[in-house]
Amino acid sequence: MRMDDYRESEHVEDRRGNRSAGTGGLRLGGGRMGLGTIVIALVASYFLGLNPLTVLNLLSGGGLPAIEQQAPEIRRTPANDETTRFVSRVLASTEDTWNEAFQQMGQRYQEPKLVLFSGMTPTACGTGQSAMGPFYCPADQKVYIDLAFFNELKSRFKAPGEFAQAYVIAHEVGHHVQNLLGIADQVHKTQQRVSKRDANALSVRMELQADCLAGVWGKRTDTMKQVLEPGDLEAALTAASAIGDDRLQQQAQGRIVPESFTHGSSEQRMRWFRRGFDSGDFNQCNTFKAARL
């Protein structure tokens, strides 16, 4: 992926090396919990379909979670950190893509921030942890990522390549687009009124739309800057396939439970990314009206 000539975004916060954000455990219900307990809670939340913070609070014996947070120290990106420079350029490319797209819709795009962290970090949505993988917090309009995830993407998920890494960021920025357009709020309100199974189905549609939006970004960025090289598209599709619910469930529990899907199957994730990429059209990403996912 040719990004060397692309500008770097001004909206990157580097919290790596900030001790208050990455060490010491998590305080819930008045007691500090270690990383071992956090890992147990994350595993339990995956299989039980519960919020990880809820499980942590139950393990601590507390009432409503009281999350101890400290303001992170923001430091400049090291000049020799090539991965950081790369993700900063990817973020800049999403800014260009969605600024243009929102202008075409007669709206103004509010650029999100990308937060780099190690281990743990405070967010407006609770304490973020590396084990959660990359995520978007609508409450502070920030994308969070521990860059160690890229190593996992390559080794565990067998999805190497810069475009695979860029797809991950573009997917989370897709959630930001959904947030700005009011889609996320509508989905969350509906999820509170329906069954767990129907709420999961809505989550799948939302995640597949974010995949499609990532495809739109990929197409438009390549059209503007010719950034893609042979094999890049296949790398992104491999990444989308690797993190499908069916594949992750098979690896984790040896069986597949479709009604518990929250992100979509490998085939669905690849197909919706490809739909966005082939069209470059935001209007092709309405998963909520699609008869077939």
C-alpha atoms as a PDB file:
ATOM      1  CA  MET A   1       0.000   0.000   0.000  1.00  0.00           C
ATOM      2  CA  ARG A   2       1.566   3.268  -1.120  1.00  0.00           C
ATOM      3  CA  MET A   3       1.020   5.802   1.682  1.00  0.00           C
ATOM      4  CA  ASP A   4       4.492   7.375   1.917  1.00  0.00           C
ATOM      5  CA  ASP A   5       3.435  10.535   0.090  1.00  0.00           C
ATOM      6  CA  TYR A   6       0.235  10.958   2.087  1.00  0.00           C
ATOM      7  CA  ARG A   7      -0.018  13.634   4.758  1.00  0.00           C
ATOM      8  CA  GLU A   8      -0.238  12.655   8.429  1.00  0.00           C
ATOM      9  CA  SER A   9      -3.360  13.438  10.427  1.00  0.00           C
ATOM     10  CA  GLU A  10      -3.256  15.996  13.225  1.00  0.00           C
ATOM     11  CA  HIS A  11      -5.803  13.959  15.201  1.00  0.00           C
ATOM     12  CA  VAL A  12      -3.634  11.197  16.671  1.00  0.00           C
ATOM     13  CA  GLU A  13      -3.175  10.910  20.445  1.00  0.00           C
ATOM     14  CA  ASP A  14      -0.277   8.726  21.542  1.00  0.00           C
ATOM     15  CA  ARG A  15      -0.820   7.459  25.094  1.00  0.00           C
ATOM     16  CA  ARG A  16       1.753   4.686  24.946  1.00  0.00           C
ATOM     17  CA  GLY A  17       4.208   4.857  27.792  1.00  0.00           C
ATOM     18  CA  ASN A  18       1.724   6.650  30.019  1.00  0.00           C
ATOM     19  CA  ARG A  19       1.844   4.602  33.217  1.00  0.00           C
ATOM     20  CA  SER A  20      -1.441   5.868  34.610  1.00  0.00           C
ATOM     21  CA  ALA A  21      -3.271   4.659  31.526  1.00  0.00           C
ATOM     22  CA  GLY A  22      -1.632   1.278  31.118  1.00  0.00           C
ATOM     23  CA  THR A  23      -0.801  -0.244  34.498  1.00  0.00           C
ATOM     24  CA  GLY A  24      -2.093  -0.829  37.978  1.00  0.00           C
ATOM     25  CA  GLY A  25      -5.312  -2.671  37.239  1.00  0.00           C
ATOM     26  CA  LEU A  26      -8.894  -1.434  37.199  1.00  0.00           C
ATOM     27  CA  ARG A  27     -10.826  -0.060  40.137  1.00  0.00           C
ATOM     28  CA  LEU A  28     -14.440  -1.210  40.319  1.00  0.00           C
ATOM     29  CA  GLY A  29     -16.750  -1.282  43.327  1.00  0.00           C
ATOM     30  CA  GLY A  30     -14.031   0.082  45.560  1.00  0.00           C
ATOM     31  CA  GLY A  31     -11.377  -2.566  44.894  1.00  0.00           C
ATOM     32  CA  ARG A  32      -8.508  -2.788  42.436  1.00  0.00           C
ATOM     33  CA  MET A  33      -8.533  -5.751  40.090  1.00  0.00           C
ATOM     34  CA  GLY A  34      -5.568  -7.330  38.350  1.00  0.00           C
ATOM     35  CA  LEU A  35      -5.128  -8.238  34.703  1.00  0.00           C
ATOM     36  CA  GLY A  36      -5.871 -11.912  35.420  1.00  0.00           C
ATOM     37  CA  THR A  37      -9.341 -11.041  36.665  1.00  0.00           C
ATOM     38  CA  ILE A  38      -9.875  -8.767  33.693  1.00  0.00           C
ATOM     39  CA  VAL A  39      -9.003 -11.585  31.272  1.00  0.00           C
ATOM     40  CA  ILE A  40     -11.487 -13.901  33.028  1.00  0.00           C
ATOM     41  CA  ALA A  41     -14.154 -11.210  32.785  1.00  0.00           C
ATOM     42  CA  LEU A  42     -13.516 -10.681  29.073  1.00  0.00           C
ATOM     43  CA  VAL A  43     -13.805 -14.405  28.356  1.00  0.00           C
ATOM     44  CA  ALA A  44     -16.985 -14.663  30.426  1.00  0.00           C
ATOM     45  CA  SER A  45     -18.495 -11.627  28.725  1.00  0.00           C
ATOM     46  CA  TYR A  46     -17.847 -13.170  25.293  1.00  0.00           C
ATOM     47  CA  PHE A  47     -19.691 -16.394  26.068  1.00  0.00           C
ATOM     48  CA  LEU A  48     -22.452 -14.869  28.207  1.00  0.00           C
ATOM     49  CA  GLY A  49     -23.108 -11.899  25.953  1.00  0.00           C
ATOM     50  CA  LEU A  50     -22.623  -9.406  28.801  1.00  0.00           C
ATOM     51  CA  ASN A  51     -20.835  -6.083  28.975  1.00  0.00           C
ATOM     52  CA  PRO A  52     -17.256  -6.745  30.222  1.00  0.00           C
ATOM     53  CA  LEU A  53     -17.622  -3.942  32.785  1.00  0.00           C
ATOM     54  CA  THR A  54     -20.737  -5.636  34.174  1.00  0.00           C
ATOM     55  CA  VAL A  55     -18.864  -8.919  34.623  1.00  0.00           C
ATOM     56  CA  LEU A  56     -15.927  -7.120  36.246  1.00  0.00           C
ATOM     57  CA  ASN A  57     -18.262  -5.425  38.671  1.00  0.00           C
ATOM     58  CA  LEU A  58     -19.898  -8.734  39.607  1.00  0.00           C
ATOM     59  CA  LEU A  59     -16.485 -10.280  40.244  1.00  0.00           C
ATOM     60  CA  SER A  60     -15.555  -7.369  42.485  1.00  0.00           C
ATOM     61  CA  GLY A  61     -18.787  -7.658  44.499  1.00  0.00           C
ATOM     62  CA  GLY A  62     -19.697  -4.015  43.944  1.00  0.00           C
ATOM     63  CA  GLY A  63     -22.849  -2.223  42.905  1.00  0.00           C
ATOM     64  CA  LEU A  64     -22.938   0.021  39.869  1.00  0.00           C
ATOM     65  CA  PRO A  65     -19.457   0.286  38.335  1.00  0.00           C
ATOM     66  CA  ALA A  66     -17.424   3.280  39.415  1.00  0.00           C
ATOM     67  CA  ILE A  67     -14.589   3.516  36.938  1.00  0.00           C
ATOM     68  CA  GLU A  68     -11.435   5.234  38.102  1.00  0.00           C
ATOM     69  CA  GLN A  69     -10.004   7.301  35.279  1.00  0.00           C
ATOM     70  CA  GLN A  70      -7.129   9.704  34.986  1.00  0.00           C
ATOM     71  CA  ALA A  71      -6.488  12.211  32.245  1.00  0.00           C
ATOM     72  CA  PRO A  72      -3.899  10.673  29.904  1.00  0.00           C
ATOM     73  CA  GLU A  73      -0.711  12.437  29.006  1.00  0.00           C
ATOM     74  CA  ILE A  74      -0.514  12.985  25.259  1.00  0.00           C
ATOM     75  CA  ARG A  75       2.930  12.783  23.703  1.00  0.00           C
ATOM     76  CA  ARG A  76       4.126  13.398  20.190  1.00  0.00           C
ATOM     77  CA  THR A  77       4.520  10.590  17.686  1.00  0.00           C
ATOM     78  CA  PRO A  78       8.136   9.357  17.546  1.00  0.00           C
ATOM     79  CA  ALA A  79       9.626  10.297  14.180  1.00  0.00           C
ATOM     80  CA  ASN A  80      11.056   6.798  13.677  1.00  0.00           C
ATOM     81  CA  ASP A  81       7.832   4.927  14.462  1.00  0.00           C
ATOM     82  CA  GLU A  82       6.827   3.784  10.985  1.00  0.00           C
ATOM     83  CA  THR A  83       3.659   1.978  12.084  1.00  0.00           C
ATOM     84  CA  THR A  84       2.424   5.082  13.878  1.00  0.00           C
ATOM     85  CA  ARG A  85       3.178   7.212  10.861  1.00  0.00           C
ATOM     86  CA  PHE A  86       1.307   4.731   8.696  1.00  0.00           C
ATOM     87  CA  VAL A  87      -1.863   4.727  10.799  1.00  0.00           C
ATOM     88  CA  SER A  88      -1.706   8.522  10.959  1.00  0.00           C
ATOM     89  CA  ARG A  89      -1.699   8.629   7.167  1.00  0.00           C
ATOM     90  CA  VAL A  90      -4.551   6.140   7.001  1.00  0.00           C
ATOM     91  CA  LEU A  91      -6.556   8.328   9.370  1.00  0.00           C
ATOM     92  CA  ALA A  92      -5.783  11.336   7.159  1.00  0.00           C
ATOM     93  CA  SER A  93      -7.095   9.426   4.145  1.00  0.00           C
ATOM     94  CA  THR A  94     -10.362   8.694   5.962  1.00  0.00           C
ATOM     95  CA  GLU A  95     -10.634  12.391   6.758  1.00  0.00           C
ATOM     96  CA  ASP A  96     -10.295  13.279   3.076  1.00  0.00           C
ATOM     97  CA  THR A  97     -12.782  10.595   2.009  1.00  0.00           C
ATOM     98  CA  TRP A  98     -15.504  11.417   4.498  1.00  0.00           C
ATOM     99  CA  ASN A  99     -15.087  15.190   4.310  1.00  0.00           C
ATOM    100  CA  GLU A 100     -15.810  14.908   0.592  1.00  0.00           C
ATOM    101  CA  ALA A 101     -18.670  12.432   1.074  1.00  0.00           C
ATOM    102  CA  PHE A 102     -20.360  14.547   3.733  1.00  0.00           C
ATOM    103  CA  GLN A 103     -20.026  17.652   1.545  1.00  0.00           C
ATOM    104  CA  GLN A 104     -21.827  15.781  -1.217  1.00  0.00           C
ATOM    105  CA  MET A 105     -24.619  15.035   1.269  1.00  0.00           C
ATOM    106  CA  GLY A 106     -24.776  18.693   2.295  1.00  0.00           C
ATOM    107  CA  GLN A 107     -23.385  17.951   5.752  1.00  0.00           C
ATOM    108  CA  ARG A 108     -20.219  18.702   7.703  1.00  0.00           C
ATOM    109  CA  TYR A 109     -17.895  15.904   8.741  1.00  0.00           C
ATOM    110  CA  GLN A 110     -16.456  16.045  12.264  1.00  0.00           C
ATOM    111  CA  GLU A 111     -13.090  14.295  12.232  1.00  0.00           C
ATOM    112  CA  PRO A 112     -12.528  11.704  14.976  1.00  0.00           C
ATOM    113  CA  LYS A 113      -9.344  11.234  16.957  1.00  0.00           C
ATOM    114  CA  LEU A 114      -7.255   8.066  16.872  1.00  0.00           C
ATOM    115  CA  VAL A 115      -5.857   7.083  20.277  1.00  0.00           C
ATOM    116  CA  LEU A 116      -2.837   4.783  20.479  1.00  0.00           C
ATOM    117  CA  PHE A 117      -2.430   3.001  23.798  1.00  0.00           C
ATOM    118  CA  SER A 118      -0.784  -0.004  25.419  1.00  0.00           C
ATOM    119  CA  GLY A 119      -2.546  -2.329  27.828  1.00  0.00           C
ATOM    120  CA  MET A 120      -5.320  -0.155  29.236  1.00  0.00           C
ATOM    121  CA  THR A 121      -6.592   3.389  28.806  1.00  0.00           C
ATOM    122  CA  PRO A 122      -9.496   5.493  30.103  1.00  0.00           C
ATOM    123  CA  THR A 123     -12.254   6.356  27.638  1.00  0.00           C
ATOM    124  CA  ALA A 124     -15.643   8.041  27.868  1.00  0.00           C
ATOM    125  CA  CYS A 125     -17.139   4.557  27.376  1.00  0.00           C
ATOM    126  CA  GLY A 126     -15.236   2.978  30.296  1.00  0.00           C
ATOM    127  CA  THR A 127     -11.749   1.544  30.570  1.00  0.00           C
ATOM    128  CA  GLY A 128     -10.458   0.250  27.270  1.00  0.00           C
ATOM    129  CA  GLN A 129      -8.194  -2.806  27.173  1.00  0.00           C
ATOM    130  CA  SER A 130      -5.953  -4.272  24.506  1.00  0.00           C
ATOM    131  CA  ALA A 131      -7.805  -7.588  24.742  1.00  0.00           C
ATOM    132  CA  MET A 132     -10.915  -5.890  23.346  1.00  0.00           C
ATOM    133  CA  GLY A 133      -9.165  -5.189  20.062  1.00  0.00           C
ATOM    134  CA  PRO A 134      -9.639  -1.894  18.213  1.00  0.00           C
ATOM    135  CA  PHE A 135     -12.878  -0.095  19.094  1.00  0.00           C
ATOM    136  CA  TYR A 136     -14.780   3.160  18.677  1.00  0.00           C
ATOM    137  CA  CYS A 137     -16.269   5.139  21.554  1.00  0.00           C
ATOM    138  CA  PRO A 138     -19.187   7.324  20.415  1.00  0.00           C
ATOM    139  CA  ALA A 139     -19.224   9.244  23.715  1.00  0.00           C
ATOM    140  CA  ASP A 140     -15.870  10.898  22.970  1.00  0.00           C
ATOM    141  CA  GLN A 141     -15.770  10.270  19.201  1.00  0.00           C
ATOM    142  CA  LYS A 142     -12.419   8.510  19.351  1.00  0.00           C
ATOM    143  CA  VAL A 143     -11.032   5.330  17.818  1.00  0.00           C
ATOM    144  CA  TYR A 144      -8.814   3.324  20.192  1.00  0.00           C
ATOM    145  CA  ILE A 145      -6.157   0.828  19.164  1.00  0.00           C
ATOM    146  CA  ASP A 146      -3.195  -0.955  20.677  1.00  0.00           C
ATOM    147  CA  LEU A 147      -0.866  -1.343  17.700  1.00  0.00           C
ATOM    148  CA  ALA A 148       0.129  -4.772  19.028  1.00  0.00           C
ATOM    149  CA  PHE A 149      -3.158  -5.895  17.466  1.00  0.00           C
ATOM    150  CA  PHE A 150      -1.475  -5.713  14.071  1.00  0.00           C
ATOM    151  CA  ASN A 151       0.940  -8.434  15.182  1.00  0.00           C
ATOM    152  CA  GLU A 152      -2.045 -10.555  16.202  1.00  0.00           C
ATOM    153  CA  LEU A 153      -3.718  -9.813  12.884  1.00  0.00           C
ATOM    154  CA  LYS A 154      -0.671 -11.221  11.140  1.00  0.00           C
ATOM    155  CA  SER A 155       0.168 -14.186  13.404  1.00  0.00           C
ATOM    156  CA  ARG A 156      -3.172 -15.354  14.808  1.00  0.00           C
ATOM    157  CA  PHE A 157      -5.537 -14.306  12.031  1.00  0.00           C
ATOM    158  CA  LYS A 158      -3.088 -14.879   9.139  1.00  0.00           C
ATOM    159  CA  ALA A 159      -3.971 -11.507   7.639  1.00  0.00           C
ATOM    160  CA  PRO A 160      -0.706  -9.641   6.994  1.00  0.00           C
ATOM    161  CA  GLY A 161      -0.307  -6.513   4.914  1.00  0.00           C
ATOM    162  CA  GLU A 162      -0.787  -2.787   5.328  1.00  0.00           C
ATOM    163  CA  PHE A 163      -4.178  -2.695   3.627  1.00  0.00           C
ATOM    164  CA  ALA A 164      -5.435  -5.253   6.142  1.00  0.00           C
ATOM    165  CA  GLN A 165      -4.273  -2.917   8.914  1.00  0.00           C
ATOM    166  CA  ALA A 166      -5.851   0.058   7.175  1.00  0.00           C
ATOM    167  CA  TYR A 167      -9.145  -1.839   6.848  1.00  0.00           C
ATOM    168  CA  VAL A 168      -9.266  -2.236  10.638  1.00  0.00           C
ATOM    169  CA  ILE A 169      -8.944   1.518  11.150  1.00  0.00           C
ATOM    170  CA  ALA A 170     -11.385   2.330   8.344  1.00  0.00           C
ATOM    171  CA  HIS A 171     -13.963  -0.031   9.881  1.00  0.00           C
ATOM    172  CA  GLU A 172     -13.817   1.795  13.215  1.00  0.00           C
ATOM    173  CA  VAL A 173     -14.026   5.152  11.451  1.00  0.00           C
ATOM    174  CA  GLY A 174     -17.097   3.696   9.739  1.00  0.00           C
ATOM    175  CA  HIS A 175     -18.678   3.492  13.193  1.00  0.00           C
ATOM    176  CA  HIS A 176     -17.872   7.175  13.627  1.00  0.00           C
ATOM    177  CA  VAL A 177     -19.699   7.927  10.389  1.00  0.00           C
ATOM    178  CA  GLN A 178     -22.698   5.953  11.682  1.00  0.00           C
ATOM    179  CA  ASN A 179     -22.558   7.965  14.896  1.00  0.00           C
ATOM    180  CA  LEU A 180     -22.524  11.308  13.071  1.00  0.00           C
ATOM    181  CA  LEU A 181     -25.447  10.287  10.861  1.00  0.00           C
ATOM    182  CA  GLY A 182     -27.531   9.203  13.851  1.00  0.00           C
ATOM    183  CA  ILE A 183     -27.582   5.559  12.775  1.00  0.00           C
ATOM    184  CA  ALA A 184     -25.787   4.327  15.885  1.00  0.00           C
ATOM    185  CA  ASP A 185     -28.179   6.120  18.217  1.00  0.00           C
ATOM    186  CA  GLN A 186     -31.228   4.693  16.442  1.00  0.00           C
ATOM    187  CA  VAL A 187     -29.827   1.172  16.618  1.00  0.00           C
ATOM    188  CA  HIS A 188     -28.942   1.425  20.310  1.00  0.00           C
ATOM    189  CA  LYS A 189     -32.390   2.749  21.203  1.00  0.00           C
ATOM    190  CA  THR A 190     -34.062  -0.090  19.309  1.00  0.00           C
ATOM    191  CA  GLN A 191     -31.794  -2.684  20.911  1.00  0.00           C
ATOM    192  CA  GLN A 192     -33.043  -1.649  24.341  1.00  0.00           C
ATOM    193  CA  ARG A 193     -36.613  -2.541  23.374  1.00  0.00           C
ATOM    194  CA  VAL A 194     -36.089  -5.924  21.719  1.00  0.00           C
ATOM    195  CA  SER A 195     -34.889  -9.395  22.660  1.00  0.00           C
ATOM    196  CA  LYS A 196     -31.218 -10.331  22.959  1.00  0.00           C
ATOM    197  CA  ARG A 197     -31.432 -12.258  19.688  1.00  0.00           C
ATOM    198  CA  ASP A 198     -32.959  -9.297  17.813  1.00  0.00           C
ATOM    199  CA  ALA A 199     -30.436  -6.938  19.408  1.00  0.00           C
ATOM    200  CA  ASN A 200     -27.623  -9.159  18.133  1.00  0.00           C
ATOM    201  CA  ALA A 201     -29.155  -9.130  14.649  1.00  0.00           C
ATOM    202  CA  LEU A 202     -29.164  -5.327  14.673  1.00  0.00           C
ATOM    203  CA  SER A 203     -25.544  -5.328  15.807  1.00  0.00           C
ATOM    204  CA  VAL A 204     -24.640  -7.560  12.857  1.00  0.00           C
ATOM    205  CA  ARG A 205     -26.261  -5.143  10.421  1.00  0.00           C
ATOM    206  CA  MET A 206     -24.420  -2.246  12.013  1.00  0.00           C
ATOM    207  CA  GLU A 207     -21.042  -4.001  11.832  1.00  0.00           C
ATOM    208  CA  LEU A 208     -21.562  -5.082   8.229  1.00  0.00           C
ATOM    209  CA  GLN A 209     -22.425  -1.518   7.324  1.00  0.00           C
ATOM    210  CA  ALA A 210     -19.140  -0.392   8.900  1.00  0.00           C
ATOM    211  CA  ASP A 211     -17.377  -3.005   6.741  1.00  0.00           C
ATOM    212  CA  CYS A 212     -19.119  -1.613   3.674  1.00  0.00           C
ATOM    213  CA  LEU A 213     -18.125   1.933   4.639  1.00  0.00           C
ATOM    214  CA  ALA A 214     -14.525   0.746   4.976  1.00  0.00           C
ATOM    215  CA  GLY A 215     -14.814  -0.555   1.423  1.00  0.00           C
ATOM    216  CA  VAL A 216     -16.140   2.824   0.245  1.00  0.00           C
ATOM    217  CA  TRP A 217     -13.137   4.477   1.888  1.00  0.00           C
ATOM    218  CA  GLY A 218     -10.765   2.033   0.167  1.00  0.00           C
ATOM    219  CA  LYS A 219     -12.242   2.680  -3.274  1.00  0.00           C
ATOM    220  CA  ARG A 220     -12.364   6.460  -2.942  1.00  0.00           C
ATOM    221  CA  THR A 221      -8.870   6.698  -1.483  1.00  0.00           C
ATOM    222  CA  ASP A 222      -7.438   4.614  -4.289  1.00  0.00           C
ATOM    223  CA  THR A 223      -9.301   6.689  -6.866  1.00  0.00           C
ATOM    224  CA  MET A 224      -7.889   9.904  -5.392  1.00  0.00           C
ATOM    225  CA  LYS A 225      -4.324   8.801  -4.670  1.00  0.00           C
ATOM    226  CA  GLN A 226      -3.752   5.404  -6.353  1.00  0.00           C
ATOM    227  CA  VAL A 227      -2.524   3.888  -3.092  1.00  0.00           C
ATOM    228  CA  LEU A 228      -3.310   0.215  -3.722  1.00  0.00           C
ATOM    229  CA  GLU A 229      -0.825  -2.335  -4.989  1.00  0.00           C
ATOM    230  CA  PRO A 230      -1.374  -5.889  -6.280  1.00  0.00           C
ATOM    231  CA  GLY A 231      -2.591  -8.133  -3.465  1.00  0.00           C
ATOM    232  CA  ASP A 232      -3.830  -5.299  -1.225  1.00  0.00           C
ATOM    233  CA  LEU A 233      -7.537  -5.946  -1.799  1.00  0.00           C
ATOM    234  CA  GLU A 234      -7.049  -9.638  -1.077  1.00  0.00           C
ATOM    235  CA  ALA A 235      -5.267  -8.734   2.180  1.00  0.00           C
ATOM    236  CA  ALA A 236      -8.249  -6.686   3.359  1.00  0.00           C
ATOM    237  CA  LEU A 237     -10.671  -9.456   2.411  1.00  0.00           C
ATOM    238  CA  THR A 238      -8.540 -11.960   4.326  1.00  0.00           C
ATOM    239  CA  ALA A 239      -8.705  -9.737   7.403  1.00  0.00           C
ATOM    240  CA  ALA A 240     -12.497  -9.388   7.072  1.00  0.00           C
ATOM    241  CA  SER A 241     -12.831 -13.160   6.781  1.00  0.00           C
ATOM    242  CA  ALA A 242     -10.506 -13.861   9.700  1.00  0.00           C
ATOM    243  CA  ILE A 243     -12.618 -11.892  12.179  1.00  0.00           C
ATOM    244  CA  GLY A 244     -15.999 -13.270  11.159  1.00  0.00           C
ATOM    245  CA  ASP A 245     -18.136 -14.483  14.067  1.00  0.00           C
ATOM    246  CA  ASP A 246     -18.358 -18.022  12.731  1.00  0.00           C
ATOM    247  CA  ARG A 247     -14.595 -18.423  12.487  1.00  0.00           C
ATOM    248  CA  LEU A 248     -13.944 -16.848  15.891  1.00  0.00           C
ATOM    249  CA  GLN A 249     -16.608 -18.987  17.571  1.00  0.00           C
ATOM    250  CA  GLN A 250     -15.257 -22.145  15.964  1.00  0.00           C
ATOM    251  CA  GLN A 251     -11.777 -21.326  17.241  1.00  0.00           C
ATOM    252  CA  ALA A 252     -12.936 -20.351  20.731  1.00  0.00           C
ATOM    253  CA  GLN A 253     -15.620 -22.925  21.521  1.00  0.00           C
ATOM    254  CA  GLY A 254     -15.542 -25.501  18.757  1.00  0.00           C
ATOM    255  CA  ARG A 255     -19.066 -24.732  17.558  1.00  0.00           C
ATOM    256  CA  ILE A 256     -20.969 -21.983  15.771  1.00  0.00           C
ATOM    257  CA  VAL A 257     -24.058 -20.277  17.232  1.00  0.00           C
ATOM    258  CA  PRO A 258     -25.474 -17.950  14.531  1.00  0.00           C
ATOM    259  CA  GLU A 259     -28.087 -16.347  16.814  1.00  0.00           C
ATOM    260  CA  SER A 260     -25.266 -15.041  19.002  1.00  0.00           C
ATOM    261  CA  PHE A 261     -23.443 -13.351  16.108  1.00  0.00           C
ATOM    262  CA  THR A 262     -22.762  -9.650  16.685  1.00  0.00           C
ATOM    263  CA  HIS A 263     -20.463  -8.823  13.731  1.00  0.00           C
ATOM    264  CA  GLY A 264     -21.452 -11.186  10.931  1.00  0.00           C
ATOM    265  CA  SER A 265     -19.977 -14.288   9.349  1.00  0.00           C
ATOM    266  CA  SER A 266     -16.711 -14.326   7.425  1.00  0.00           C
ATOM    267  CA  GLU A 267     -18.591 -14.543   4.134  1.00  0.00           C
ATOM    268  CA  GLN A 268     -20.846 -11.623   5.050  1.00  0.00           C
ATOM    269  CA  ARG A 269     -17.999  -9.409   6.180  1.00  0.00           C
ATOM    270  CA  MET A 270     -16.040 -10.017   2.986  1.00  0.00           C
ATOM    271  CA  ARG A 271     -19.101  -9.493   0.793  1.00  0.00           C
ATOM    272  CA  TRP A 272     -20.140  -6.188   2.347  1.00  0.00           C
ATOM    273  CA  PHE A 273     -16.599  -4.828   2.303  1.00  0.00           C
ATOM    274  CA  ARG A 274     -16.380  -5.819  -1.355  1.00  0.00           C
ATOM    275  CA  ARG A 275     -19.749  -4.185  -2.061  1.00  0.00           C
ATOM    276  CA  GLY A 276     -18.510  -0.883  -0.681  1.00  0.00           C
ATOM    277  CA  PHE A 277     -15.203  -1.198  -2.490  1.00  0.00           C
ATOM    278  CA  ASP A 278     -16.694  -2.106  -5.872  1.00  0.00           C
ATOM    279  CA  SER A 279     -19.203   0.744  -5.790  1.00  0.00           C
ATOM    280  CA  GLY A 280     -17.453   3.461  -3.783  1.00  0.00           C
ATOM    281  CA  ASP A 281     -21.008   4.523  -2.997  1.00  0.00           C
ATOM    282  CA  PHE A 282     -22.222   5.161   0.532  1.00  0.00           C
ATOM    283  CA  ASN A 283     -25.796   4.493  -0.594  1.00  0.00           C
ATOM    284  CA  GLN A 284     -24.921   0.879  -1.361  1.00  0.00           C
ATOM    285  CA  CYS A 285     -24.224   0.273   2.348  1.00  0.00           C
ATOM    286  CA  ASN A 286     -27.763   0.270   3.752  1.00  0.00           C
ATOM    287  CA  THR A 287     -27.612  -3.093   5.500  1.00  0.00           C
ATOM    288  CA  PHE A 288     -30.730  -2.240   7.507  1.00  0.00           C
ATOM    289  CA  LYS A 289     -32.912  -2.486   4.398  1.00  0.00           C
ATOM    290  CA  ALA A 290     -31.073  -5.399   2.823  1.00  0.00           C
ATOM    291  CA  ALA A 291     -33.178  -8.536   2.419  1.00  0.00           C
ATOM    292  CA  ARG A 292     -30.011 -10.654   2.404  1.00  0.00           C
ATOM    293  CA  LEU A 293     -26.994 -10.030   4.546  1.00  0.00           C
END
